[in-house]
């Protein structure tokens, strides 16, 4: 039997951490380099899918489609085979169609100049939506996604992330009323990073049995 919890913990904690300026330019955001950012073993991806489907078994029963935001969440596409549900992809591509859903992309760290947007086409009016992402930190993009889908009349039956860090999940709940389930909680234990360096094992991960 696959020990998916052990596999996720070991592969996660092999990662490192670097730093970026925050979006407001006044601070430093410590960026954890996870398998989704670097090299992925098949056993890790299989473990993630098993963990997510275990955690989301009730939401999966209610959903008609799983929504995955670009880009790293696209690595979770095997969840379609595991659940039998359609996938609907949120992309950075502006299709310039009148029926597309426009989502503001917000990050805790400075990534690109200017405002970023995501776009979604393909949802049906009667869809029951389950949103699945790879990471929640500040919660900004998830808040925008939930609000945009709700404003367009879609029923959101659940939301989840592989990794959670900081108070993003609490902020999503406060601003949208929706709860996000997190599979793995990351805790940074060493924030003294040399500029331009990658520090190994500066964080720990925890998988919560109590959530499922």
Protein backbone atom coordinates (compact mmCIF):
# COMPACT_ATOMS: atom_id res chain seq x y z
CA UNK A 1 0.00 0.00 0.00
CA UNK A 2 1.30 3.45 -0.91
CA UNK A 3 2.46 5.43 2.14
CA UNK A 4 1.44 8.70 0.53
CA UNK A 5 1.89 10.82 3.64
CA UNK A 6 5.51 9.74 4.11
CA UNK A 7 6.29 10.24 0.40
CA UNK A 8 4.84 13.76 0.39
CA UNK A 9 6.68 14.76 3.57
CA UNK A 10 10.05 13.42 2.42
CA UNK A 11 9.85 14.91 -1.07
CA UNK A 12 8.59 18.26 0.23
CA UNK A 13 11.34 18.63 2.80
CA UNK A 14 14.05 17.95 0.23
CA UNK A 15 13.23 21.35 -1.19
CA UNK A 16 14.86 24.69 -0.52
CA UNK A 17 13.91 28.29 -0.09
CA UNK A 18 14.87 31.56 -1.73
CA UNK A 19 13.51 35.11 -1.47
CA UNK A 20 11.76 37.76 -3.57
CA UNK A 21 10.69 41.34 -2.86
CA UNK A 22 7.08 41.59 -1.71
CA UNK A 23 4.49 43.06 -4.07
CA UNK A 24 4.57 46.40 -2.24
CA UNK A 25 8.38 46.49 -2.45
CA UNK A 26 8.71 47.04 1.30
CA UNK A 27 9.69 43.56 2.43
CA UNK A 28 10.98 40.11 1.55
CA UNK A 29 8.86 37.07 0.70
CA UNK A 30 10.54 33.75 1.44
CA UNK A 31 9.68 31.45 -1.47
CA UNK A 32 9.66 27.72 -0.77
CA UNK A 33 10.92 25.67 -3.74
CA UNK A 34 8.71 22.58 -3.82
CA UNK A 35 8.66 19.56 -6.15
CA UNK A 36 6.06 21.42 -8.27
CA UNK A 37 8.76 24.04 -8.92
CA UNK A 38 11.57 21.67 -9.79
CA UNK A 39 11.66 17.89 -10.24
CA UNK A 40 8.71 15.58 -9.68
CA UNK A 41 8.93 11.86 -9.04
CA UNK A 42 6.00 9.73 -10.26
CA UNK A 43 5.60 8.39 -6.72
CA UNK A 44 5.22 11.94 -5.39
CA UNK A 45 2.54 12.86 -7.90
CA UNK A 46 0.71 9.60 -7.21
CA UNK A 47 0.89 10.33 -3.47
CA UNK A 48 -0.46 13.86 -3.97
CA UNK A 49 -3.41 12.62 -6.01
CA UNK A 50 -4.21 9.96 -3.41
CA UNK A 51 -3.99 12.51 -0.61
CA UNK A 52 -6.18 15.03 -2.40
CA UNK A 53 -8.86 12.52 -3.36
CA UNK A 54 -8.92 11.20 0.20
CA UNK A 55 -9.26 14.70 1.64
CA UNK A 56 -11.92 15.73 -0.89
CA UNK A 57 -14.06 12.60 -1.04
CA UNK A 58 -17.25 14.44 0.00
CA UNK A 59 -16.68 17.40 -2.33
CA UNK A 60 -15.93 15.08 -5.25
CA UNK A 61 -19.35 13.46 -4.82
CA UNK A 62 -21.03 16.86 -5.28
CA UNK A 63 -18.86 18.29 -8.08
CA UNK A 64 -19.38 18.14 -11.84
CA UNK A 65 -15.99 19.66 -12.72
CA UNK A 66 -12.65 20.39 -11.09
CA UNK A 67 -11.20 23.82 -11.83
CA UNK A 68 -7.40 24.04 -12.05
CA UNK A 69 -5.60 27.42 -12.32
CA UNK A 70 -2.50 27.84 -14.47
CA UNK A 71 0.23 26.93 -14.23
CA UNK A 72 1.46 24.52 -11.56
CA UNK A 73 -2.00 23.28 -10.66
CA UNK A 74 -2.10 21.77 -14.16
CA UNK A 75 0.27 19.12 -12.79
CA UNK A 76 -2.74 17.80 -10.86
CA UNK A 77 -4.57 16.71 -14.02
CA UNK A 78 -4.33 12.99 -13.02
CA UNK A 79 -7.05 13.84 -10.51
CA UNK A 80 -9.50 13.59 -13.43
CA UNK A 81 -8.70 9.93 -13.97
CA UNK A 82 -8.86 9.29 -10.22
CA UNK A 83 -12.28 10.94 -9.81
CA UNK A 84 -13.95 10.60 -13.21
CA UNK A 85 -14.69 14.34 -13.20
CA UNK A 86 -14.09 16.78 -16.04
CA UNK A 87 -11.36 19.36 -15.67
CA UNK A 88 -11.84 23.05 -16.48
CA UNK A 89 -8.61 25.01 -16.86
CA UNK A 90 -8.04 28.62 -15.86
CA UNK A 91 -5.36 30.07 -18.12
CA UNK A 92 -3.26 33.17 -18.57
CA UNK A 93 -4.44 33.26 -22.19
CA UNK A 94 -6.93 36.01 -22.95
CA UNK A 95 -9.36 34.43 -25.41
CA UNK A 96 -11.08 37.78 -26.02
CA UNK A 97 -14.51 36.16 -26.02
CA UNK A 98 -17.54 37.80 -24.39
CA UNK A 99 -18.35 34.77 -22.24
CA UNK A 100 -14.92 34.28 -20.65
CA UNK A 101 -14.51 34.74 -16.91
CA UNK A 102 -11.75 37.20 -15.98
CA UNK A 103 -9.87 36.62 -12.72
CA UNK A 104 -7.36 38.98 -11.16
CA UNK A 105 -4.16 37.15 -10.20
CA UNK A 106 -2.64 38.41 -6.95
CA UNK A 107 0.59 37.19 -5.39
CA UNK A 108 2.36 37.95 -2.13
CA UNK A 109 5.64 38.53 -3.95
CA UNK A 110 6.62 40.70 -6.90
CA UNK A 111 6.62 38.54 -10.03
CA UNK A 112 5.85 40.59 -13.12
CA UNK A 113 5.32 44.23 -13.84
CA UNK A 114 1.75 45.35 -14.25
CA UNK A 115 -1.52 43.65 -13.42
CA UNK A 116 -1.92 39.94 -14.05
CA UNK A 117 -5.18 38.29 -15.08
CA UNK A 118 -6.40 34.74 -15.58
CA UNK A 119 -9.18 33.63 -17.93
CA UNK A 120 -11.64 30.76 -17.86
CA UNK A 121 -13.89 29.37 -20.58
CA UNK A 122 -15.73 26.06 -20.73
CA UNK A 123 -17.86 26.14 -17.60
CA UNK A 124 -21.55 25.28 -17.98
CA UNK A 125 -24.31 27.17 -16.21
CA UNK A 126 -25.31 24.20 -14.06
CA UNK A 127 -21.76 23.19 -13.08
CA UNK A 128 -20.92 22.34 -9.49
CA UNK A 129 -17.35 23.59 -9.17
CA UNK A 130 -14.51 22.20 -7.08
CA UNK A 131 -11.47 24.51 -7.16
CA UNK A 132 -8.09 22.79 -6.68
CA UNK A 133 -4.79 24.68 -6.52
CA UNK A 134 -1.19 23.82 -5.70
CA UNK A 135 -0.44 26.53 -3.11
CA UNK A 136 -2.19 29.10 -0.92
CA UNK A 137 -0.09 31.73 0.81
CA UNK A 138 -1.67 35.20 0.93
CA UNK A 139 -4.90 33.84 -0.58
CA UNK A 140 -5.23 36.72 -3.06
CA UNK A 141 -5.64 34.68 -6.24
CA UNK A 142 -8.01 32.22 -4.57
CA UNK A 143 -10.17 35.07 -3.28
CA UNK A 144 -10.38 36.56 -6.79
CA UNK A 145 -11.17 33.16 -8.31
CA UNK A 146 -13.98 32.40 -5.88
CA UNK A 147 -15.50 35.87 -6.20
CA UNK A 148 -15.34 35.83 -10.01
CA UNK A 149 -16.99 32.41 -10.27
CA UNK A 150 -19.69 33.36 -7.76
CA UNK A 151 -20.33 36.66 -9.55
CA UNK A 152 -20.92 34.62 -12.72
CA UNK A 153 -23.48 32.43 -10.98
CA UNK A 154 -21.49 29.26 -10.41
CA UNK A 155 -22.06 26.97 -7.43
CA UNK A 156 -18.77 26.30 -5.63
CA UNK A 157 -19.00 23.01 -3.73
CA UNK A 158 -15.45 23.11 -2.41
CA UNK A 159 -11.93 24.49 -2.67
CA UNK A 160 -8.60 22.89 -1.84
CA UNK A 161 -4.85 23.27 -2.08
CA UNK A 162 -1.95 20.87 -1.86
CA UNK A 163 0.14 23.28 0.22
CA UNK A 164 -0.86 26.05 2.60
CA UNK A 165 1.31 28.64 4.29
CA UNK A 166 0.67 31.81 6.24
CA UNK A 167 -2.87 33.05 6.91
CA UNK A 168 -4.20 32.83 3.34
CA UNK A 169 -6.82 30.19 4.10
CA UNK A 170 -8.20 32.29 6.97
CA UNK A 171 -8.23 35.35 4.71
CA UNK A 172 -10.14 33.47 1.99
CA UNK A 173 -12.74 32.42 4.55
CA UNK A 174 -13.04 36.00 5.86
CA UNK A 175 -13.49 37.60 2.44
CA UNK A 176 -15.53 34.94 0.62
CA UNK A 177 -17.19 32.78 3.26
CA UNK A 178 -15.67 29.70 1.62
CA UNK A 179 -13.31 27.30 3.35
CA UNK A 180 -10.22 25.92 1.64
CA UNK A 181 -8.93 22.51 2.64
CA UNK A 182 -5.14 22.22 2.77
CA UNK A 183 -3.37 18.90 2.48
CA UNK A 184 0.05 20.02 3.74
CA UNK A 185 0.93 22.89 6.07
CA UNK A 186 4.35 24.52 5.58
CA UNK A 187 6.09 26.27 8.47
CA UNK A 188 9.21 28.32 7.75
CA UNK A 189 11.77 27.88 10.54
CA UNK A 190 14.70 29.84 9.10
CA UNK A 191 14.05 33.24 7.54
CA UNK A 192 17.66 34.44 7.47
CA UNK A 193 18.44 33.84 3.82
CA UNK A 194 21.60 35.05 2.08
CA UNK A 195 20.67 37.20 -0.91
CA UNK A 196 20.49 35.21 -4.15
CA UNK A 197 21.08 31.87 -2.41
CA UNK A 198 18.97 28.76 -2.03
CA UNK A 199 18.85 27.40 1.51
CA UNK A 200 18.10 23.71 1.99
CA UNK A 201 15.63 22.43 4.59
CA UNK A 202 14.65 25.80 6.10
CA UNK A 203 11.05 24.68 6.67
CA UNK A 204 8.97 21.78 7.97
CA UNK A 205 5.76 20.25 6.65
CA UNK A 206 2.77 18.79 8.43
CA UNK A 207 -0.08 16.70 7.02
CA UNK A 208 -3.29 17.00 9.00
CA UNK A 209 -5.20 13.79 9.70
CA UNK A 210 -7.90 15.79 11.44
CA UNK A 211 -8.99 17.43 8.17
CA UNK A 212 -10.12 14.13 6.70
